[in-house]
C-alpha atoms as a PDB file:
ATOM      1  CA  MET A   1       0.000   0.000   0.000  1.00  0.00           C
ATOM      2  CA  SER A   2       1.110   3.561  -0.537  1.00  0.00           C
ATOM      3  CA  THR A   3       0.890   6.535   1.759  1.00  0.00           C
ATOM      4  CA  PRO A   4      -2.627   8.045   1.650  1.00  0.00           C
ATOM      5  CA  ILE A   5      -3.223  11.167  -0.412  1.00  0.00           C
ATOM      6  CA  ASP A   6      -5.875  13.485   0.999  1.00  0.00           C
ATOM      7  CA  VAL A   7      -7.649  15.639  -1.543  1.00  0.00           C
ATOM      8  CA  ASP A   8     -10.844  17.659  -1.867  1.00  0.00           C
ATOM      9  CA  ASP A   9     -13.716  15.362  -1.056  1.00  0.00           C
ATOM     10  CA  THR A  10     -15.785  16.301  -4.093  1.00  0.00           C
ATOM     11  CA  HIS A  11     -13.114  15.939  -6.751  1.00  0.00           C
ATOM     12  CA  GLY A  12     -10.490  13.478  -5.628  1.00  0.00           C
ATOM     13  CA  VAL A  13      -9.604  10.335  -3.839  1.00  0.00           C
ATOM     14  CA  GLU A  14      -7.200   8.797  -1.416  1.00  0.00           C
ATOM     15  CA  ILE A  15      -5.818   5.814  -3.274  1.00  0.00           C
ATOM     16  CA  THR A  16      -3.949   3.372  -1.073  1.00  0.00           C
ATOM     17  CA  PRO A  17      -3.315   0.326  -3.234  1.00  0.00           C
ATOM     18  CA  MET A  18      -1.123  -2.718  -2.790  1.00  0.00           C
ATOM     19  CA  MET A  19       1.385  -3.054  -5.701  1.00  0.00           C
ATOM     20  CA  SER A  20      -0.177   0.079  -7.007  1.00  0.00           C
ATOM     21  CA  VAL A  21      -3.110   0.760  -9.309  1.00  0.00           C
ATOM     22  CA  SER A  22      -4.237   4.133 -10.609  1.00  0.00           C
ATOM     23  CA  GLY A  23      -7.409   5.783  -9.418  1.00  0.00           C
ATOM     24  CA  GLY A  24      -9.241   9.053  -8.970  1.00  0.00           C
ATOM     25  CA  PRO A  25     -10.241  11.464 -11.749  1.00  0.00           C
ATOM     26  CA  GLY A  26      -8.574  10.360 -14.961  1.00  0.00           C
ATOM     27  CA  GLY A  27      -6.525   7.808 -13.035  1.00  0.00           C
ATOM     28  CA  PHE A  28      -4.444  10.711 -11.722  1.00  0.00           C
ATOM     29  CA  TYR A  29      -3.361   9.166  -8.437  1.00  0.00           C
ATOM     30  CA  HIS A  30      -0.545   6.611  -8.349  1.00  0.00           C
ATOM     31  CA  GLN A  31       1.176   4.716 -11.109  1.00  0.00           C
ATOM     32  CA  PRO A  32      -0.647   1.913 -12.969  1.00  0.00           C
ATOM     33  CA  ILE A  33       1.703  -0.885 -11.929  1.00  0.00           C
ATOM     34  CA  HIS A  34      -0.795  -3.766 -11.831  1.00  0.00           C
ATOM     35  CA  GLU A  35      -2.296  -2.528 -15.087  1.00  0.00           C
ATOM     36  CA  SER A  36       1.110  -2.337 -16.785  1.00  0.00           C
ATOM     37  CA  LEU A  37       2.241  -5.724 -15.465  1.00  0.00           C
ATOM     38  CA  THR A  38      -0.946  -7.283 -16.809  1.00  0.00           C
ATOM     39  CA  LEU A  39      -0.550  -5.810 -20.288  1.00  0.00           C
ATOM     40  CA  ALA A  40       3.186  -6.603 -20.344  1.00  0.00           C
ATOM     41  CA  THR A  41       2.326 -10.224 -19.552  1.00  0.00           C
ATOM     42  CA  LEU A  42      -0.207 -10.473 -22.362  1.00  0.00           C
ATOM     43  CA  ILE A  43       1.970  -8.659 -24.900  1.00  0.00           C
ATOM     44  CA  SER A  44       5.286 -10.365 -24.217  1.00  0.00           C
ATOM     45  CA  GLY A  45       3.653 -13.781 -24.049  1.00  0.00           C
ATOM     46  CA  ASN A  46       1.900 -13.308 -27.411  1.00  0.00           C
ATOM     47  CA  PHE A  47      -1.496 -13.816 -25.833  1.00  0.00           C
ATOM     48  CA  GLY A  48      -3.508 -11.805 -28.334  1.00  0.00           C
ATOM     49  CA  VAL A  49      -2.785  -8.238 -27.235  1.00  0.00           C
ATOM     50  CA  ASP A  50      -1.234  -5.891 -29.805  1.00  0.00           C
ATOM     51  CA  PRO A  51       2.389  -4.961 -28.937  1.00  0.00           C
ATOM     52  CA  SER A  52       1.566  -1.253 -29.248  1.00  0.00           C
ATOM     53  CA  THR A  53      -1.043  -1.478 -26.498  1.00  0.00           C
ATOM     54  CA  THR A  54      -0.586   0.772 -23.460  1.00  0.00           C
ATOM     55  CA  VAL A  55      -2.706   1.486 -20.416  1.00  0.00           C
ATOM     56  CA  ALA A  56      -3.780   4.718 -22.112  1.00  0.00           C
ATOM     57  CA  ASN A  57      -4.874   3.197 -25.430  1.00  0.00           C
ATOM     58  CA  ALA A  58      -5.956  -0.319 -24.437  1.00  0.00           C
ATOM     59  CA  SER A  59      -9.209  -1.468 -26.003  1.00  0.00           C
ATOM     60  CA  LYS A  60     -12.272  -2.116 -23.899  1.00  0.00           C
ATOM     61  CA  TYR A  61     -11.679  -5.827 -24.545  1.00  0.00           C
ATOM     62  CA  ASP A  62      -8.149  -5.694 -23.147  1.00  0.00           C
ATOM     63  CA  TRP A  63      -9.466  -3.601 -20.281  1.00  0.00           C
ATOM     64  CA  GLU A  64     -11.483  -6.592 -19.141  1.00  0.00           C
ATOM     65  CA  TYR A  65      -8.191  -8.206 -18.100  1.00  0.00           C
ATOM     66  CA  ILE A  66      -7.142  -4.952 -16.439  1.00  0.00           C
ATOM     67  CA  ARG A  67     -10.437  -4.571 -14.587  1.00  0.00           C
ATOM     68  CA  GLY A  68      -9.860  -8.052 -13.173  1.00  0.00           C
ATOM     69  CA  ALA A  69      -6.366  -7.082 -12.043  1.00  0.00           C
ATOM     70  CA  VAL A  70      -7.713  -3.919 -10.408  1.00  0.00           C
ATOM     71  CA  TRP A  71     -10.654  -5.744  -8.801  1.00  0.00           C
ATOM     72  CA  ASN A  72      -8.658  -7.115  -5.851  1.00  0.00           C
ATOM     73  CA  ASP A  73      -8.059  -3.498  -4.782  1.00  0.00           C
ATOM     74  CA  ASP A  74     -11.602  -2.499  -5.737  1.00  0.00           C
ATOM     75  CA  PRO A  75     -13.971  -5.388  -4.885  1.00  0.00           C
ATOM     76  CA  ASP A  76     -16.951  -3.025  -4.710  1.00  0.00           C
ATOM     77  CA  CYS A  77     -16.187  -1.716  -8.224  1.00  0.00           C
ATOM     78  CA  LEU A  78     -16.077   1.896  -7.021  1.00  0.00           C
ATOM     79  CA  LEU A  79     -13.064   3.202  -8.959  1.00  0.00           C
ATOM     80  CA  PHE A  80     -14.900   3.279 -12.315  1.00  0.00           C
ATOM     81  CA  ASP A  81     -18.103   4.734 -13.721  1.00  0.00           C
ATOM     82  CA  ASP A  82     -19.210   2.154 -16.286  1.00  0.00           C
ATOM     83  CA  ASP A  83     -21.789   2.687 -18.973  1.00  0.00           C
ATOM     84  CA  ALA A  84     -23.087   0.398 -21.707  1.00  0.00           C
ATOM     85  CA  LYS A  85     -20.130   1.101 -24.006  1.00  0.00           C
ATOM     86  CA  ASN A  86     -17.276   1.941 -21.629  1.00  0.00           C
ATOM     87  CA  ASN A  87     -15.541  -0.054 -18.909  1.00  0.00           C
ATOM     88  CA  HIS A  88     -12.631   2.227 -18.058  1.00  0.00           C
ATOM     89  CA  GLU A  89     -13.962   5.663 -17.179  1.00  0.00           C
ATOM     90  CA  TYR A  90     -12.480   6.522 -13.794  1.00  0.00           C
ATOM     91  CA  SER A  91     -14.789   7.735 -11.044  1.00  0.00           C
ATOM     92  CA  THR A  92     -13.778  10.404  -8.533  1.00  0.00           C
ATOM     93  CA  GLY A  93     -12.979   7.533  -6.199  1.00  0.00           C
ATOM     94  CA  PHE A  94     -14.732   9.351  -3.357  1.00  0.00           C
ATOM     95  CA  MET A  95     -16.887   6.379  -2.366  1.00  0.00           C
ATOM     96  CA  TRP A  96     -13.870   4.069  -2.553  1.00  0.00           C
ATOM     97  CA  THR A  97     -12.065   6.365  -0.145  1.00  0.00           C
ATOM     98  CA  LEU A  98     -14.960   6.332   2.313  1.00  0.00           C
ATOM     99  CA  ARG A  99     -15.170   2.526   2.252  1.00  0.00           C
ATOM    100  CA  TYR A 100     -11.405   2.181   2.597  1.00  0.00           C
ATOM    101  CA  GLU A 101     -11.135   4.532   5.563  1.00  0.00           C
ATOM    102  CA  LYS A 102     -14.197   2.985   7.177  1.00  0.00           C
ATOM    103  CA  GLY A 103     -12.624  -0.454   6.745  1.00  0.00           C
ATOM    104  CA  ALA A 104      -9.497   0.626   8.589  1.00  0.00           C
ATOM    105  CA  ARG A 105     -11.602   1.681  11.572  1.00  0.00           C
ATOM    106  CA  GLU A 106     -13.868  -1.373  11.400  1.00  0.00           C
ATOM    107  CA  TRP A 107     -11.036  -3.889  11.525  1.00  0.00           C
ATOM    108  CA  ARG A 108      -9.131  -1.917  14.157  1.00  0.00           C
ATOM    109  CA  ASP A 109     -12.216  -1.862  16.403  1.00  0.00           C
ATOM    110  CA  LEU A 110     -13.593  -5.272  15.303  1.00  0.00           C
ATOM    111  CA  ASP A 111     -16.849  -3.575  14.369  1.00  0.00           C
ATOM    112  CA  SER A 112     -19.753  -6.011  14.049  1.00  0.00           C
ATOM    113  CA  ASN A 113     -20.487  -4.713  10.529  1.00  0.00           C
ATOM    114  CA  ARG A 114     -16.947  -5.095   9.177  1.00  0.00           C
ATOM    115  CA  LEU A 115     -17.868  -8.057   6.954  1.00  0.00           C
ATOM    116  CA  ARG A 116     -20.301  -5.848   5.034  1.00  0.00           C
ATOM    117  CA  ASN A 117     -17.509  -3.731   3.557  1.00  0.00           C
ATOM    118  CA  PRO A 118     -15.621  -5.683   0.837  1.00  0.00           C
ATOM    119  CA  THR A 119     -13.090  -2.878   0.374  1.00  0.00           C
ATOM    120  CA  GLY A 120     -12.201  -2.985   4.058  1.00  0.00           C
ATOM    121  CA  ARG A 121     -12.170  -6.783   4.093  1.00  0.00           C
ATOM    122  CA  SER A 122      -9.725  -6.865   1.193  1.00  0.00           C
ATOM    123  CA  HIS A 123      -7.276  -4.303   2.562  1.00  0.00           C
ATOM    124  CA  TYR A 124      -7.484  -4.763   6.311  1.00  0.00           C
ATOM    125  CA  GLY A 125      -9.395  -7.925   7.060  1.00  0.00           C
ATOM    126  CA  ASP A 126     -10.187 -11.507   6.235  1.00  0.00           C
ATOM    127  CA  LEU A 127      -9.718 -11.142   2.458  1.00  0.00           C
ATOM    128  CA  GLN A 128      -6.124  -9.905   2.518  1.00  0.00           C
ATOM    129  CA  PHE A 129      -5.151 -13.134   0.752  1.00  0.00           C
ATOM    130  CA  LEU A 130      -6.394 -11.341  -2.381  1.00  0.00           C
ATOM    131  CA  HIS A 131      -3.069  -9.497  -2.083  1.00  0.00           C
ATOM    132  CA  SER A 132      -1.001 -12.505  -1.023  1.00  0.00           C
ATOM    133  CA  MET A 133      -1.148 -11.340   2.584  1.00  0.00           C
ATOM    134  CA  ALA A 134      -2.335 -12.904   5.818  1.00  0.00           C
ATOM    135  CA  SER A 135      -5.539 -11.848   7.541  1.00  0.00           C
ATOM    136  CA  GLN A 136      -3.764 -11.147  10.815  1.00  0.00           C
ATOM    137  CA  ALA A 137      -0.407 -11.461  12.532  1.00  0.00           C
ATOM    138  CA  GLY A 138       0.332 -15.007  13.598  1.00  0.00           C
ATOM    139  CA  GLU A 139      -1.688 -16.672  10.837  1.00  0.00           C
ATOM    140  CA  LEU A 140       0.081 -19.823   9.725  1.00  0.00           C
ATOM    141  CA  PRO A 141       1.559 -19.664   6.197  1.00  0.00           C
ATOM    142  CA  ALA A 142      -0.214 -22.868   5.157  1.00  0.00           C
ATOM    143  CA  GLU A 143      -3.559 -21.278   6.040  1.00  0.00           C
ATOM    144  CA  THR A 144      -2.893 -18.110   4.049  1.00  0.00           C
ATOM    145  CA  LYS A 145      -1.817 -20.249   1.107  1.00  0.00           C
ATOM    146  CA  ARG A 146      -4.877 -22.495   1.436  1.00  0.00           C
ATOM    147  CA  LYS A 147      -7.192 -19.514   1.154  1.00  0.00           C
ATOM    148  CA  LEU A 148      -5.481 -17.930  -1.831  1.00  0.00           C
ATOM    149  CA  MET A 149      -5.280 -21.298  -3.589  1.00  0.00           C
ATOM    150  CA  THR A 150      -9.022 -21.764  -3.036  1.00  0.00           C
ATOM    151  CA  TRP A 151      -9.641 -18.418  -4.707  1.00  0.00           C
ATOM    152  CA  LEU A 152      -7.272 -19.180  -7.571  1.00  0.00           C
ATOM    153  CA  GLU A 153      -8.934 -22.539  -8.203  1.00  0.00           C
ATOM    154  CA  VAL A 154     -12.412 -21.075  -8.574  1.00  0.00           C
ATOM    155  CA  MET A 155     -11.167 -18.171 -10.703  1.00  0.00           C
ATOM    156  CA  TYR A 156      -9.296 -20.489 -13.045  1.00  0.00           C
ATOM    157  CA  LYS A 157     -12.224 -22.856 -13.411  1.00  0.00           C
ATOM    158  CA  LEU A 158     -14.449 -19.850 -14.104  1.00  0.00           C
ATOM    159  CA  ALA A 159     -12.012 -18.624 -16.777  1.00  0.00           C
ATOM    160  CA  ILE A 160     -12.113 -21.935 -18.668  1.00  0.00           C
ATOM    161  CA  GLY A 161     -15.618 -23.108 -17.727  1.00  0.00           C
ATOM    162  CA  GLU A 162     -14.362 -26.159 -15.841  1.00  0.00           C
ATOM    163  CA  ASN A 163     -16.737 -28.208 -13.661  1.00  0.00           C
ATOM    164  CA  GLY A 164     -19.660 -26.239 -15.011  1.00  0.00           C
ATOM    165  CA  ILE A 165     -18.550 -23.036 -13.289  1.00  0.00           C
ATOM    166  CA  THR A 166     -19.830 -20.044 -15.244  1.00  0.00           C
ATOM    167  CA  ALA A 167     -20.510 -16.365 -14.706  1.00  0.00           C
ATOM    168  CA  ASP A 168     -24.001 -17.286 -13.508  1.00  0.00           C
ATOM    169  CA  THR A 169     -22.827 -19.801 -10.893  1.00  0.00           C
ATOM    170  CA  GLU A 170     -23.803 -18.704  -7.398  1.00  0.00           C
ATOM    171  CA  LEU A 171     -21.068 -18.183  -4.833  1.00  0.00           C
ATOM    172  CA  ARG A 172     -22.680 -20.684  -2.457  1.00  0.00           C
ATOM    173  CA  SER A 173     -22.238 -23.372  -5.113  1.00  0.00           C
ATOM    174  CA  THR A 174     -18.454 -22.910  -5.140  1.00  0.00           C
ATOM    175  CA  LYS A 175     -15.590 -23.166  -2.680  1.00  0.00           C
ATOM    176  CA  LEU A 176     -15.787 -19.373  -2.319  1.00  0.00           C
ATOM    177  CA  SER A 177     -18.785 -19.861  -0.047  1.00  0.00           C
ATOM    178  CA  GLU A 178     -16.390 -19.962   2.915  1.00  0.00           C
ATOM    179  CA  PHE A 179     -15.654 -16.285   2.287  1.00  0.00           C
ATOM    180  CA  CYS A 180     -19.342 -15.392   2.389  1.00  0.00           C
ATOM    181  CA  PRO A 181     -20.429 -15.858   6.019  1.00  0.00           C
ATOM    182  CA  VAL A 182     -23.933 -14.904   7.122  1.00  0.00           C
ATOM    183  CA  LEU A 183     -24.723 -11.191   6.614  1.00  0.00           C
ATOM    184  CA  SER A 184     -21.439 -10.529   4.819  1.00  0.00           C
ATOM    185  CA  LEU A 185     -21.090  -8.805   1.456  1.00  0.00           C
ATOM    186  CA  PRO A 186     -21.204  -9.990  -1.199  1.00  0.00           C
ATOM    187  CA  PRO A 187     -23.978 -12.401  -0.170  1.00  0.00           C
ATOM    188  CA  ASP A 188     -23.526 -16.038  -1.081  1.00  0.00           C
ATOM    189  CA  PHE A 189     -26.639 -16.175  -3.264  1.00  0.00           C
ATOM    190  CA  LYS A 190     -25.101 -13.740  -5.749  1.00  0.00           C
ATOM    191  CA  SER A 191     -23.360 -14.924  -8.918  1.00  0.00           C
ATOM    192  CA  LEU A 192     -19.709 -14.879  -9.873  1.00  0.00           C
ATOM    193  CA  ARG A 193     -20.632 -12.218 -12.420  1.00  0.00           C
ATOM    194  CA  TYR A 194     -21.935 -10.050  -9.588  1.00  0.00           C
ATOM    195  CA  LEU A 195     -18.820 -10.755  -7.540  1.00  0.00           C
ATOM    196  CA  LEU A 196     -16.440  -9.483 -10.227  1.00  0.00           C
ATOM    197  CA  ALA A 197     -18.566  -6.837 -11.948  1.00  0.00           C
ATOM    198  CA  LYS A 198     -21.381  -5.970  -9.529  1.00  0.00           C
ATOM    199  CA  GLU A 199     -24.275  -4.534 -11.587  1.00  0.00           C
ATOM    200  CA  SER A 200     -22.163  -2.884 -14.264  1.00  0.00           C
ATOM    201  CA  PRO A 201     -24.155  -1.777 -17.328  1.00  0.00           C
ATOM    202  CA  PHE A 202     -21.168  -2.423 -19.606  1.00  0.00           C
ATOM    203  CA  GLN A 203     -22.323  -4.669 -22.435  1.00  0.00           C
ATOM    204  CA  GLY A 204     -18.973  -6.318 -23.125  1.00  0.00           C
ATOM    205  CA  ILE A 205     -18.186  -7.830 -19.729  1.00  0.00           C
ATOM    206  CA  ASP A 206     -15.913 -10.852 -20.034  1.00  0.00           C
ATOM    207  CA  ILE A 207     -15.964 -12.553 -16.655  1.00  0.00           C
ATOM    208  CA  GLY A 208     -13.324 -15.066 -17.742  1.00  0.00           C
ATOM    209  CA  ARG A 209     -10.847 -12.272 -18.438  1.00  0.00           C
ATOM    210  CA  ARG A 210     -11.689 -10.589 -15.148  1.00  0.00           C
ATOM    211  CA  ALA A 211     -11.119 -13.864 -13.322  1.00  0.00           C
ATOM    212  CA  LEU A 212      -7.676 -14.223 -14.905  1.00  0.00           C
ATOM    213  CA  GLY A 213      -6.897 -10.604 -14.034  1.00  0.00           C
ATOM    214  CA  SER A 214      -7.734 -11.282 -10.398  1.00  0.00           C
ATOM    215  CA  MET A 215      -5.368 -14.260 -10.470  1.00  0.00           C
ATOM    216  CA  PHE A 216      -2.658 -12.061 -11.973  1.00  0.00           C
ATOM    217  CA  HIS A 217      -3.086  -9.592  -9.114  1.00  0.00           C
ATOM    218  CA  ILE A 218      -2.455 -12.235  -6.462  1.00  0.00           C
ATOM    219  CA  ILE A 219       0.626 -13.503  -8.284  1.00  0.00           C
ATOM    220  CA  GLN A 220       1.933  -9.963  -8.818  1.00  0.00           C
ATOM    221  CA  ASP A 221       1.449  -8.968  -5.186  1.00  0.00           C
ATOM    222  CA  SER A 222       3.192 -12.116  -4.013  1.00  0.00           C
ATOM    223  CA  TYR A 223       6.446 -10.662  -5.371  1.00  0.00           C
ATOM    224  CA  ALA A 224       5.997  -7.302  -3.603  1.00  0.00           C
ATOM    225  CA  ILE A 225       8.345  -6.946  -0.630  1.00  0.00           C
ATOM    226  CA  GLY A 226       5.611  -5.522   1.607  1.00  0.00           C
ATOM    227  CA  HIS A 227       3.386  -8.525   1.011  1.00  0.00           C
ATOM    228  CA  THR A 228       5.669 -11.520   1.354  1.00  0.00           C
ATOM    229  CA  LYS A 229       9.191 -12.377   2.332  1.00  0.00           C
ATOM    230  CA  ARG A 230      10.750 -14.749  -0.185  1.00  0.00           C
ATOM    231  CA  THR A 231      14.130 -16.430  -0.341  1.00  0.00           C
ATOM    232  CA  LEU A 232      16.469 -14.253  -2.406  1.00  0.00           C
ATOM    233  CA  LEU A 233      18.196 -16.378  -5.036  1.00  0.00           C
ATOM    234  CA  ASN A 234      20.787 -13.863  -6.233  1.00  0.00           C
ATOM    235  CA  PRO A 235      22.091 -12.001  -3.167  1.00  0.00           C
ATOM    236  CA  GLU A 236      25.335 -11.287  -5.021  1.00  0.00           C
ATOM    237  CA  ASP A 237      23.424  -8.744  -7.134  1.00  0.00           C
ATOM    238  CA  LYS A 238      22.330  -6.646  -4.160  1.00  0.00           C
ATOM    239  CA  GLU A 239      23.681  -3.130  -3.973  1.00  0.00           C
ATOM    240  CA  PHE A 240      21.963  -2.017  -0.760  1.00  0.00           C
ATOM    241  CA  ASP A 241      19.905  -3.677   1.955  1.00  0.00           C
ATOM    242  CA  HIS A 242      17.927  -0.729   3.391  1.00  0.00           C
ATOM    243  CA  PRO A 243      16.093   0.033   1.242  1.00  0.00           C
ATOM    244  CA  LEU A 244      16.720  -3.042  -0.843  1.00  0.00           C
ATOM    245  CA  LYS A 245      18.270  -2.203  -4.198  1.00  0.00           C
ATOM    246  CA  PHE A 246      19.965  -4.255  -6.900  1.00  0.00           C
ATOM    247  CA  ARG A 247      22.800  -3.283  -9.212  1.00  0.00           C
ATOM    248  CA  ALA A 248      21.878  -1.750 -12.551  1.00  0.00           C
ATOM    249  CA  GLY A 249      20.814  -4.341 -15.106  1.00  0.00           C
ATOM    250  CA  ALA A 250      20.257  -7.104 -12.557  1.00  0.00           C
ATOM    251  CA  VAL A 251      16.910  -8.869 -12.285  1.00  0.00           C
ATOM    252  CA  ASP A 252      15.987  -9.756  -8.720  1.00  0.00           C
ATOM    253  CA  GLN A 253      15.258 -13.470  -8.413  1.00  0.00           C
ATOM    254  CA  TRP A 254      13.011 -14.842  -5.687  1.00  0.00           C
ATOM    255  CA  GLY A 255      12.238 -18.344  -4.503  1.00  0.00           C
ATOM    256  CA  ALA A 256       9.998 -19.839  -1.828  1.00  0.00           C
ATOM    257  CA  ILE A 257       7.814 -17.804   0.497  1.00  0.00           C
ATOM    258  CA  GLU A 258       9.228 -17.480   3.998  1.00  0.00           C
ATOM    259  CA  ASN A 259       6.507 -15.224   5.421  1.00  0.00           C
ATOM    260  CA  PHE A 260       3.157 -13.734   4.435  1.00  0.00           C
ATOM    261  CA  HIS A 261       2.910 -10.229   5.864  1.00  0.00           C
ATOM    262  CA  THR A 262      -0.229  -8.525   7.157  1.00  0.00           C
ATOM    263  CA  TYR A 263      -0.965  -4.828   6.655  1.00  0.00           C
ATOM    264  CA  GLY A 264      -2.074  -3.832  10.142  1.00  0.00           C
ATOM    265  CA  GLY A 265       0.824  -2.132  11.906  1.00  0.00           C
ATOM    266  CA  GLN A 266       3.119  -2.012   8.872  1.00  0.00           C
ATOM    267  CA  ASP A 267       5.298   0.993   8.021  1.00  0.00           C
ATOM    268  CA  GLU A 268       3.127   2.567   5.284  1.00  0.00           C
ATOM    269  CA  LYS A 269       5.990   4.472   3.667  1.00  0.00           C
ATOM    270  CA  ALA A 270       8.127   1.362   3.398  1.00  0.00           C
ATOM    271  CA  HIS A 271       5.193  -0.633   2.019  1.00  0.00           C
ATOM    272  CA  SER A 272       4.480   2.104  -0.525  1.00  0.00           C
ATOM    273  CA  HIS A 273       8.114   2.175  -1.640  1.00  0.00           C
ATOM    274  CA  PHE A 274       8.011  -1.484  -2.683  1.00  0.00           C
ATOM    275  CA  ASP A 275       4.551  -1.170  -4.257  1.00  0.00           C
ATOM    276  CA  HIS A 276       6.095   1.359  -6.687  1.00  0.00           C
ATOM    277  CA  SER A 277       3.171   3.766  -6.234  1.00  0.00           C
ATOM    278  CA  ASN A 278       5.203   6.688  -7.571  1.00  0.00           C
ATOM    279  CA  ASP A 279       7.629   4.851  -9.858  1.00  0.00           C
ATOM    280  CA  ARG A 280       7.041   5.772 -13.490  1.00  0.00           C
ATOM    281  CA  LEU A 281       7.981   3.252 -16.119  1.00  0.00           C
ATOM    282  CA  PRO A 282      10.713   4.691 -18.342  1.00  0.00           C
ATOM    283  CA  ASN A 283       9.132   3.298 -21.519  1.00  0.00           C
ATOM    284  CA  ALA A 284       5.425   2.990 -20.727  1.00  0.00           C
ATOM    285  CA  ASP A 285       4.499   3.304 -24.412  1.00  0.00           C
ATOM    286  CA  HIS A 286       6.348   0.045 -25.130  1.00  0.00           C
ATOM    287  CA  LEU A 287       5.229  -2.524 -22.589  1.00  0.00           C
ATOM    288  CA  ASP A 288       6.912  -5.233 -24.644  1.00  0.00           C
ATOM    289  CA  ASP A 289      10.194  -3.769 -23.362  1.00  0.00           C
ATOM    290  CA  LEU A 290      10.473  -5.900 -20.230  1.00  0.00           C
ATOM    291  CA  ALA A 291      13.906  -4.538 -19.311  1.00  0.00           C
ATOM    292  CA  GLN A 292      12.218  -1.382 -18.021  1.00  0.00           C
ATOM    293  CA  PHE A 293      10.764  -3.445 -15.163  1.00  0.00           C
ATOM    294  CA  ASN A 294      14.180  -4.627 -13.979  1.00  0.00           C
ATOM    295  CA  GLY A 295      14.607  -1.786 -11.511  1.00  0.00           C
ATOM    296  CA  LEU A 296      11.201  -2.345  -9.919  1.00  0.00           C
ATOM    297  CA  ILE A 297      11.683  -5.066  -7.332  1.00  0.00           C
ATOM    298  CA  GLY A 298       9.403  -8.043  -7.871  1.00  0.00           C
ATOM    299  CA  CYS A 299       7.938  -6.844 -11.157  1.00  0.00           C
ATOM    300  CA  ARG A 300       9.980  -8.781 -13.702  1.00  0.00           C
ATOM    301  CA  LEU A 301       9.417 -12.116 -11.990  1.00  0.00           C
ATOM    302  CA  ALA A 302       5.733 -11.299 -11.512  1.00  0.00           C
ATOM    303  CA  ILE A 303       5.400 -10.938 -15.287  1.00  0.00           C
ATOM    304  CA  GLU A 304       7.137 -14.250 -15.928  1.00  0.00           C
ATOM    305  CA  LYS A 305       4.942 -16.127 -13.445  1.00  0.00           C
ATOM    306  CA  CYS A 306       1.762 -14.615 -14.885  1.00  0.00           C
ATOM    307  CA  LYS A 307       2.945 -15.657 -18.348  1.00  0.00           C
ATOM    308  CA  GLY A 308       3.361 -19.190 -17.032  1.00  0.00           C
ATOM    309  CA  LEU A 309      -0.240 -19.230 -15.853  1.00  0.00           C
ATOM    310  CA  MET A 310      -1.533 -17.787 -19.115  1.00  0.00           C
ATOM    311  CA  ALA A 311       0.422 -20.330 -21.153  1.00  0.00           C
ATOM    312  CA  LEU A 312      -1.300 -23.143 -19.269  1.00  0.00           C
ATOM    313  CA  LYS A 313      -4.668 -21.535 -19.889  1.00  0.00           C
ATOM    314  CA  GLN A 314      -3.940 -21.083 -23.602  1.00  0.00           C
ATOM    315  CA  ALA A 315      -2.897 -24.722 -23.797  1.00  0.00           C
ATOM    316  CA  GLY A 316      -6.326 -25.713 -22.490  1.00  0.00           C
ATOM    317  CA  LYS A 317      -4.985 -27.231 -19.284  1.00  0.00           C
ATOM    318  CA  ALA A 318      -7.503 -28.136 -16.585  1.00  0.00           C
ATOM    319  CA  TRP A 319      -6.901 -27.144 -12.969  1.00  0.00           C
ATOM    320  CA  ASP A 320      -5.570 -30.583 -12.025  1.00  0.00           C
ATOM    321  CA  ASP A 321      -3.640 -30.968 -15.269  1.00  0.00           C
ATOM    322  CA  GLY A 322      -0.698 -28.770 -14.359  1.00  0.00           C
ATOM    323  CA  VAL A 323      -2.257 -25.520 -13.156  1.00  0.00           C
ATOM    324  CA  ARG A 324      -2.619 -26.456  -9.506  1.00  0.00           C
ATOM    325  CA  SER A 325       0.897 -27.897  -9.384  1.00  0.00           C
ATOM    326  CA  TYR A 326       2.368 -24.800 -11.077  1.00  0.00           C
ATOM    327  CA  LEU A 327       0.812 -22.451  -8.549  1.00  0.00           C
ATOM    328  CA  ASP A 328       1.257 -24.725  -5.552  1.00  0.00           C
ATOM    329  CA  GLY A 329       4.778 -25.964  -6.217  1.00  0.00           C
ATOM    330  CA  ASP A 330       6.290 -22.996  -8.034  1.00  0.00           C
ATOM    331  CA  VAL A 331       4.630 -19.603  -7.616  1.00  0.00           C
ATOM    332  CA  PHE A 332       3.410 -20.090  -4.041  1.00  0.00           C
ATOM    333  CA  MET A 333       5.860 -22.702  -2.816  1.00  0.00           C
ATOM    334  CA  LEU A 334       6.426 -22.369   0.928  1.00  0.00           C
ATOM    335  CA  SER A 335       9.899 -22.484   2.382  1.00  0.00           C
ATOM    336  CA  PRO A 336      10.571 -25.255   4.928  1.00  0.00           C
ATOM    337  CA  LYS A 337      11.418 -22.418   7.328  1.00  0.00           C
ATOM    338  CA  ALA A 338       8.239 -20.407   6.669  1.00  0.00           C
ATOM    339  CA  THR A 339       7.030 -18.555   9.762  1.00  0.00           C
ATOM    340  CA  PRO A 340       3.641 -17.244  10.971  1.00  0.00           C
ATOM    341  CA  ALA A 341       2.531 -13.914   9.512  1.00  0.00           C
ATOM    342  CA  ASN A 342       4.015 -10.644  10.729  1.00  0.00           C
ATOM    343  CA  ASN A 343       3.739  -6.964   9.821  1.00  0.00           C
ATOM    344  CA  GLN A 344       7.324  -6.451   8.712  1.00  0.00           C
ATOM    345  CA  VAL A 345       8.141  -5.046   5.286  1.00  0.00           C
ATOM    346  CA  GLN A 346      11.564  -6.600   4.549  1.00  0.00           C
END
């Protein structure tokens, strides 16, 4: 998450994302890191997105992937004002800000209504696994992984239509029902379409693309320093430890997860630094140029791991035909020395 930005309450927004997304009027606040990582994955992997595509000129069809990648930060779909023909018109973000700030208070005070605020649940509460984070300090790493793997399984099966899971499938008919306790939002009788798009009037909604985008977000965040601690595979390329920095031209390489962090009590400025909220890409008009991500810790490997997932999807692989094992044994592999969740940043 980045440090909050307070602006006029009728025109702006406080955007406090994980590995950052843009928001507010015209997407003015924060750099579109998740959006750029998603497009870079699709472009560099030759997955049907034109190499000249950028966040600024992406088609409404490509934006369906992006909306999925943004959704984990915006589970109430408050950062956009959709209409029948447009799925990427930014809202003021004012309502998102209210829900976010309310969520911080609700989870701090254990308010009885905290489960009725999806934005708060995602950032501060029981749905932090949507960002590869634990729900609270002390949560066992196997439990955090179990929850995120449950989410990834349903999203993948939705994306390919496996086991009869479609956009119209009700939450209570899937493994996601465990995240829909009584009186929580979204309610378990709602569909997966409602989960990922609410009641958007946009006529071109592609729930499969949104599901994949949500999966991308979890993978991407899992390589953000403020979200997880992973085993560093190339320590010889480090230039500094605090803050962590690698020598020019080096690509940081990360292995197994040693710790899932939780946001409550973290140093917001340190978290923001590694979410790259204010880091502009040097060549944002050419997202096929992956070298520009080398200086952004976690980003290059996040692209490669998302490409691995997309390649399995394009090959028509079922969940138990290589997808589960890829995510379980590669992307989210736990270290033998993994420890219970904490609120550290490095």
